[in-house]
């Protein structure tokens, strides 16, 4: 069975967004992520922002990119749940770390934080319902 069939057969809360809605949300978030993460990495490379500020951004990027292969490739709900918790925690860490250096970057993470908070509750729910 392909990943979409697998995902559709999972028990999910009634408020689960449609896959097209989730896709649209990410289409909005990825340009924000690219611009802000790019800014932080470039400023760190130029030594205008301490390298330690880039650490949560790098961890977040890896965890974010790992979610889809874990969830839909490996179909491992508990591991995907752990991964999204890392994504959520690193967003908060990123915002705190970058605040003294580029407040606009921290503020720009609010839509990302909002969506990942919702997605984390959804993931926790799906995992619990399908355990």
Protein backbone atom coordinates (compact mmCIF):
# COMPACT_ATOMS: atom_id res chain seq x y z
CA UNK A 1 0.00 0.00 0.00
CA UNK A 2 1.31 3.47 -0.80
CA UNK A 3 1.86 6.15 1.85
CA UNK A 4 -1.41 7.99 1.17
CA UNK A 5 -3.47 4.81 1.53
CA UNK A 6 -1.59 4.02 4.73
CA UNK A 7 -2.18 7.53 6.11
CA UNK A 8 -5.89 7.49 5.19
CA UNK A 9 -6.45 4.20 7.02
CA UNK A 10 -5.00 5.51 10.28
CA UNK A 11 -7.40 6.50 13.04
CA UNK A 12 -7.26 10.30 13.33
CA UNK A 13 -9.07 12.98 15.34
CA UNK A 14 -12.12 14.52 13.67
CA UNK A 15 -10.34 17.89 13.40
CA UNK A 16 -7.49 16.49 11.27
CA UNK A 17 -6.82 18.81 8.32
CA UNK A 18 -6.98 17.36 4.82
CA UNK A 19 -3.61 16.55 3.23
CA UNK A 20 -4.15 19.40 0.73
CA UNK A 21 -4.55 21.85 3.61
CA UNK A 22 -1.39 20.58 5.29
CA UNK A 23 0.44 20.95 1.97
CA UNK A 24 -0.79 24.54 1.59
CA UNK A 25 0.36 25.40 5.11
CA UNK A 26 3.85 24.13 4.33
CA UNK A 27 3.88 26.04 1.03
CA UNK A 28 3.38 29.19 3.10
CA UNK A 29 5.87 28.23 5.83
CA UNK A 30 8.79 27.05 3.70
CA UNK A 31 9.58 30.50 2.21
CA UNK A 32 9.61 31.94 5.74
CA UNK A 33 11.88 29.12 6.89
CA UNK A 34 14.21 29.53 3.90
CA UNK A 35 14.50 33.30 4.36
CA UNK A 36 15.01 33.27 8.11
CA UNK A 37 17.24 30.23 8.34
CA UNK A 38 19.26 31.50 5.38
CA UNK A 39 19.69 34.85 7.10
CA UNK A 40 20.91 33.22 10.31
CA UNK A 41 23.33 30.87 8.54
CA UNK A 42 24.75 33.69 6.38
CA UNK A 43 25.13 36.03 9.36
CA UNK A 44 26.86 33.26 11.31
CA UNK A 45 29.20 32.62 8.38
CA UNK A 46 29.98 36.35 8.33
CA UNK A 47 30.53 36.20 12.10
CA UNK A 48 27.88 38.84 12.75
CA UNK A 49 25.87 36.36 14.81
CA UNK A 50 27.56 33.81 17.12
CA UNK A 51 27.66 30.28 15.71
CA UNK A 52 25.83 28.92 18.75
CA UNK A 53 22.74 30.80 17.51
CA UNK A 54 22.71 28.63 14.39
CA UNK A 55 22.76 25.34 16.35
CA UNK A 56 19.00 25.12 17.02
CA UNK A 57 18.30 26.19 13.42
CA UNK A 58 20.50 23.36 12.11
CA UNK A 59 18.93 20.78 14.42
CA UNK A 60 15.46 22.00 13.47
CA UNK A 61 16.24 21.76 9.78
CA UNK A 62 17.45 18.17 10.10
CA UNK A 63 14.49 17.15 12.27
CA UNK A 64 11.99 18.88 9.99
CA UNK A 65 13.40 17.17 6.91
CA UNK A 66 13.49 13.80 8.71
CA UNK A 67 9.81 13.85 9.66
CA UNK A 68 8.34 12.84 6.29
CA UNK A 69 10.67 9.85 5.72
CA UNK A 70 10.08 8.68 9.29
CA UNK A 71 6.31 9.13 9.22
CA UNK A 72 5.50 8.09 5.66
CA UNK A 73 8.54 6.08 4.57
CA UNK A 74 9.24 4.08 7.71
CA UNK A 75 5.63 4.48 8.92
CA UNK A 76 6.98 4.74 12.44
CA UNK A 77 4.48 6.78 14.45
CA UNK A 78 6.37 6.78 17.79
CA UNK A 79 9.62 7.88 16.14
CA UNK A 80 7.77 10.53 14.12
CA UNK A 81 6.25 11.77 17.38
CA UNK A 82 9.70 12.04 18.96
CA UNK A 83 10.93 13.84 15.86
CA UNK A 84 8.13 16.43 15.85
CA UNK A 85 8.77 17.10 19.55
CA UNK A 86 12.37 17.92 18.59
CA UNK A 87 11.07 20.22 15.84
CA UNK A 88 8.78 21.99 18.32
CA UNK A 89 11.43 22.33 21.03
CA UNK A 90 14.03 23.67 18.62
CA UNK A 91 11.64 26.34 17.31
CA UNK A 92 11.34 27.71 20.84
CA UNK A 93 15.11 27.40 21.29
CA UNK A 94 15.70 29.17 17.95
CA UNK A 95 13.45 32.06 18.91
CA UNK A 96 15.21 32.53 22.24
CA UNK A 97 18.70 32.18 20.75
CA UNK A 98 18.17 34.62 17.88
CA UNK A 99 16.13 37.24 19.79
CA UNK A 100 19.13 39.36 20.95
CA UNK A 101 20.62 39.35 17.44
CA UNK A 102 17.71 39.53 15.00
CA UNK A 103 14.30 39.97 16.60
CA UNK A 104 12.55 39.92 13.24
CA UNK A 105 13.78 36.34 12.72
CA UNK A 106 12.33 35.31 16.08
CA UNK A 107 8.99 36.98 15.33
CA UNK A 108 8.91 35.45 11.84
CA UNK A 109 8.95 32.00 13.48
CA UNK A 110 5.52 32.55 15.07
CA UNK A 111 3.53 31.00 12.16
CA UNK A 112 5.95 28.04 12.15
CA UNK A 113 5.61 27.66 15.92
CA UNK A 114 1.83 27.87 15.68
CA UNK A 115 1.56 25.23 12.97
CA UNK A 116 4.08 22.86 14.56
CA UNK A 117 2.25 23.17 17.88
CA UNK A 118 -0.97 22.09 16.18
CA UNK A 119 0.83 19.39 14.19
CA UNK A 120 2.43 18.08 17.38
CA UNK A 121 -0.94 17.68 19.07
CA UNK A 122 -2.22 15.99 15.92
CA UNK A 123 0.79 13.64 15.80
CA UNK A 124 0.45 12.78 19.48
CA UNK A 125 -3.25 12.06 18.89
CA UNK A 126 -2.67 9.90 15.83
CA UNK A 127 0.06 7.96 17.58
CA UNK A 128 -2.13 7.36 20.65
CA UNK A 129 -5.12 6.34 18.53
CA UNK A 130 -3.07 3.83 16.51
CA UNK A 131 -0.82 2.39 19.23
